[in-house]
Amino acid sequence: MADRGIVVLGIDPGSRVTGYGLVREVSGQATLVATGTVRTGSVKDLGVRLGKIYSGIAALIEEHGPHEAAVENVFVSKNTMSALKLGQARGSAIAACAVAGLPVAAYEPTVVKKNLVGTGRAAKSQVAYMVANSLGMKNPGWPEDASDALAVALCHLNQRRMNRLIGEAS
């Protein structure tokens, strides 16, 4: 039976728009499975938005059957309420993964950028370029949140590969 590889679900959490990206890696080659956003629309009730995020991520897991998930950590900003809402959105996405039995890895935004671009202060356009390049695409036109989620998935795959190499060398 041929190696079907590993599928990783990358998540860029947001209380209004949560990006997702599913990437399959076979023999070190990453390919796009699916990408997009879970949008909560103009619903003001935070509980309803969090439910939509949970349901959207759960549906993706059901449809694509990823083996692992990776989520971007919350970026702490000056606006405490925004950071709190972002953390709650992140928790909803992680809960959907946990209920499905997926292991979830978390990465700081600077680690994702450094992993793909080589510097933790890379511009979003540089990250988007490297994501497209890693997946063998030119100007895919993904929404920014979707591109960021793919970056998290690719970062996770790179980290898994590095951990495996380090483990083999020990």
Protein backbone atom coordinates (compact mmCIF):
# COMPACT_ATOMS: atom_id res chain seq x y z
CA MET A 1 0.00 0.00 0.00
CA ALA A 2 1.38 3.42 -0.96
CA ASP A 3 2.29 5.99 1.68
CA ARG A 4 -0.62 8.42 1.85
CA GLY A 5 1.41 10.79 4.01
CA ILE A 6 0.24 12.98 6.84
CA VAL A 7 -2.41 15.69 6.65
CA VAL A 8 -2.07 18.69 8.95
CA LEU A 9 -4.81 21.23 9.65
CA GLY A 10 -3.35 24.71 10.21
CA ILE A 11 -5.52 27.27 11.97
CA ASP A 12 -5.20 31.06 12.14
CA PRO A 13 -7.83 31.93 14.78
CA GLY A 14 -9.97 35.04 14.71
CA SER A 15 -13.29 35.91 16.31
CA ARG A 16 -14.77 37.10 12.99
CA VAL A 17 -12.59 35.25 10.46
CA THR A 18 -10.69 32.05 11.23
CA GLY A 19 -8.36 30.87 8.52
CA TYR A 20 -7.71 27.21 7.84
CA GLY A 21 -5.32 25.31 5.64
CA LEU A 22 -4.94 21.58 5.13
CA VAL A 23 -1.64 20.33 3.77
CA ARG A 24 -0.60 16.77 2.94
CA GLU A 25 3.05 15.76 3.11
CA VAL A 26 4.30 12.64 1.38
CA SER A 27 8.04 11.92 1.32
CA GLY A 28 8.88 15.52 2.24
CA GLN A 29 6.69 17.03 -0.48
CA ALA A 30 3.83 19.25 0.69
CA THR A 31 0.64 19.63 -1.34
CA LEU A 32 -2.48 21.66 -0.76
CA VAL A 33 -5.59 19.75 0.33
CA ALA A 34 -7.93 22.67 1.09
CA THR A 35 -7.84 26.23 2.37
CA GLY A 36 -10.28 28.98 3.20
CA THR A 37 -11.95 30.75 6.07
CA VAL A 38 -14.66 30.16 8.63
CA ARG A 39 -16.57 33.44 8.76
CA THR A 40 -18.90 34.28 11.60
CA GLY A 41 -20.51 37.17 9.74
CA SER A 42 -21.91 40.20 11.48
CA VAL A 43 -23.27 38.25 14.45
CA LYS A 44 -22.69 40.36 17.55
CA ASP A 45 -23.17 37.58 20.12
CA LEU A 46 -19.69 36.21 20.87
CA GLY A 47 -21.08 32.84 21.98
CA VAL A 48 -22.76 32.34 18.61
CA ARG A 49 -19.53 33.30 16.79
CA LEU A 50 -17.52 30.85 18.91
CA GLY A 51 -20.07 28.14 18.12
CA LYS A 52 -19.70 28.82 14.39
CA ILE A 53 -15.92 28.53 14.67
CA TYR A 54 -16.21 25.24 16.55
CA SER A 55 -18.74 23.85 14.06
CA GLY A 56 -16.74 25.02 11.05
CA ILE A 57 -13.50 23.42 12.24
CA ALA A 58 -15.35 20.23 13.28
CA ALA A 59 -16.87 19.99 9.78
CA LEU A 60 -13.42 20.37 8.18
CA ILE A 61 -12.03 17.62 10.37
CA GLU A 62 -14.94 15.35 9.47
CA GLU A 63 -14.55 16.04 5.74
CA HIS A 64 -10.75 15.86 5.39
CA GLY A 65 -9.64 13.62 8.28
CA PRO A 66 -6.39 15.35 9.21
CA HIS A 67 -3.93 13.50 11.43
CA GLU A 68 -2.71 16.52 13.41
CA ALA A 69 -3.51 20.19 13.87
CA ALA A 70 -1.41 23.28 14.43
CA VAL A 71 -2.68 26.62 15.66
CA GLU A 72 -1.12 30.04 15.89
CA ASN A 73 -0.75 31.41 19.42
CA VAL A 74 -2.53 34.59 20.41
CA PHE A 75 -0.63 37.75 19.66
CA VAL A 76 -0.99 39.97 22.74
CA SER A 77 -1.82 43.50 21.73
CA LYS A 78 -2.59 46.71 23.55
CA ASN A 79 -6.32 46.03 23.26
CA THR A 80 -7.12 43.57 26.06
CA MET A 81 -10.66 42.86 24.87
CA SER A 82 -9.46 41.99 21.37
CA ALA A 83 -6.82 39.65 22.79
CA LEU A 84 -9.44 37.99 25.00
CA LYS A 85 -11.84 37.43 22.08
CA LEU A 86 -8.99 36.08 19.96
CA GLY A 87 -8.06 33.67 22.74
CA GLN A 88 -11.65 32.48 22.98
CA ALA A 89 -11.80 31.92 19.20
CA ARG A 90 -8.55 29.98 19.44
CA GLY A 91 -10.03 27.89 22.26
CA SER A 92 -13.11 27.06 20.17
CA ALA A 93 -10.93 25.83 17.31
CA ILE A 94 -8.72 23.79 19.66
CA ALA A 95 -11.79 22.29 21.34
CA ALA A 96 -13.07 21.07 17.96
CA CYS A 97 -9.70 19.41 17.34
CA ALA A 98 -9.60 17.88 20.83
CA VAL A 99 -13.10 16.41 20.54
CA ALA A 100 -12.02 14.79 17.25
CA GLY A 101 -8.93 13.35 18.94
CA LEU A 102 -6.39 15.41 17.01
CA PRO A 103 -3.13 16.33 18.68
CA VAL A 104 -2.69 20.12 18.53
CA ALA A 105 0.64 21.95 18.36
CA ALA A 106 0.89 25.70 18.99
CA TYR A 107 3.33 28.14 17.41
CA GLU A 108 4.15 31.78 18.05
CA PRO A 109 3.65 34.01 14.98
CA THR A 110 7.37 34.89 15.01
CA VAL A 111 8.30 31.19 14.97
CA VAL A 112 6.04 30.55 11.96
CA LYS A 113 7.58 33.48 10.09
CA LYS A 114 11.15 32.46 10.95
CA ASN A 115 10.44 28.86 9.97
CA LEU A 116 9.19 29.81 6.50
CA VAL A 117 10.99 33.04 5.66
CA GLY A 118 14.07 32.99 7.88
CA THR A 119 13.17 35.99 10.02
CA GLY A 120 10.56 36.36 12.74
CA ARG A 121 9.71 39.89 11.59
CA ALA A 122 8.83 38.97 8.00
CA ALA A 123 6.01 40.87 6.31
CA LYS A 124 2.75 39.01 5.61
CA SER A 125 3.46 39.31 1.89
CA GLN A 126 6.78 37.47 2.35
CA VAL A 127 5.06 34.70 4.30
CA ALA A 128 2.34 34.41 1.64
CA TYR A 129 4.99 34.18 -1.09
CA MET A 130 6.84 31.39 0.74
CA VAL A 131 3.60 29.49 1.40
CA ALA A 132 2.68 29.59 -2.29
CA ASN A 133 6.24 28.66 -3.28
CA SER A 134 6.31 25.73 -0.83
CA LEU A 135 3.08 24.41 -2.32
CA GLY A 136 4.25 24.93 -5.92
CA MET A 137 1.80 27.71 -6.73
CA LYS A 138 2.07 31.20 -8.16
CA ASN A 139 -0.26 34.01 -7.08
CA PRO A 140 -2.99 31.78 -5.64
CA GLY A 141 -5.04 34.72 -4.34
CA TRP A 142 -5.90 33.16 -1.00
CA PRO A 143 -7.39 35.36 1.72
CA GLU A 144 -4.73 36.53 4.18
CA ASP A 145 -6.20 34.42 7.00
CA ALA A 146 -6.09 31.29 4.83
CA SER A 147 -2.49 31.96 3.83
CA ASP A 148 -1.53 32.43 7.49
CA ALA A 149 -3.21 29.12 8.38
CA LEU A 150 -1.29 27.34 5.62
CA ALA A 151 1.90 28.89 7.00
CA VAL A 152 1.12 27.37 10.41
CA ALA A 153 0.52 23.94 8.83
CA LEU A 154 3.77 24.12 6.85
CA CYS A 155 5.67 25.28 9.94
CA HIS A 156 4.33 22.26 11.80
CA LEU A 157 5.37 19.87 9.05
CA ASN A 158 8.86 21.41 9.02
CA GLN A 159 9.08 21.11 12.80
CA ARG A 160 7.92 17.46 12.71
CA ARG A 161 10.60 16.68 10.13
CA MET A 162 13.28 18.43 12.22
CA ASN A 163 12.20 16.62 15.40
CA ARG A 164 12.36 13.31 13.56
CA LEU A 165 15.88 14.07 12.28
CA ILE A 166 17.07 15.14 15.72
CA GLY A 167 15.53 12.03 17.26
CA GLU A 168 17.26 9.79 14.73
CA ALA A 169 20.59 11.52 15.36
CA SER A 170 20.38 11.09 19.15
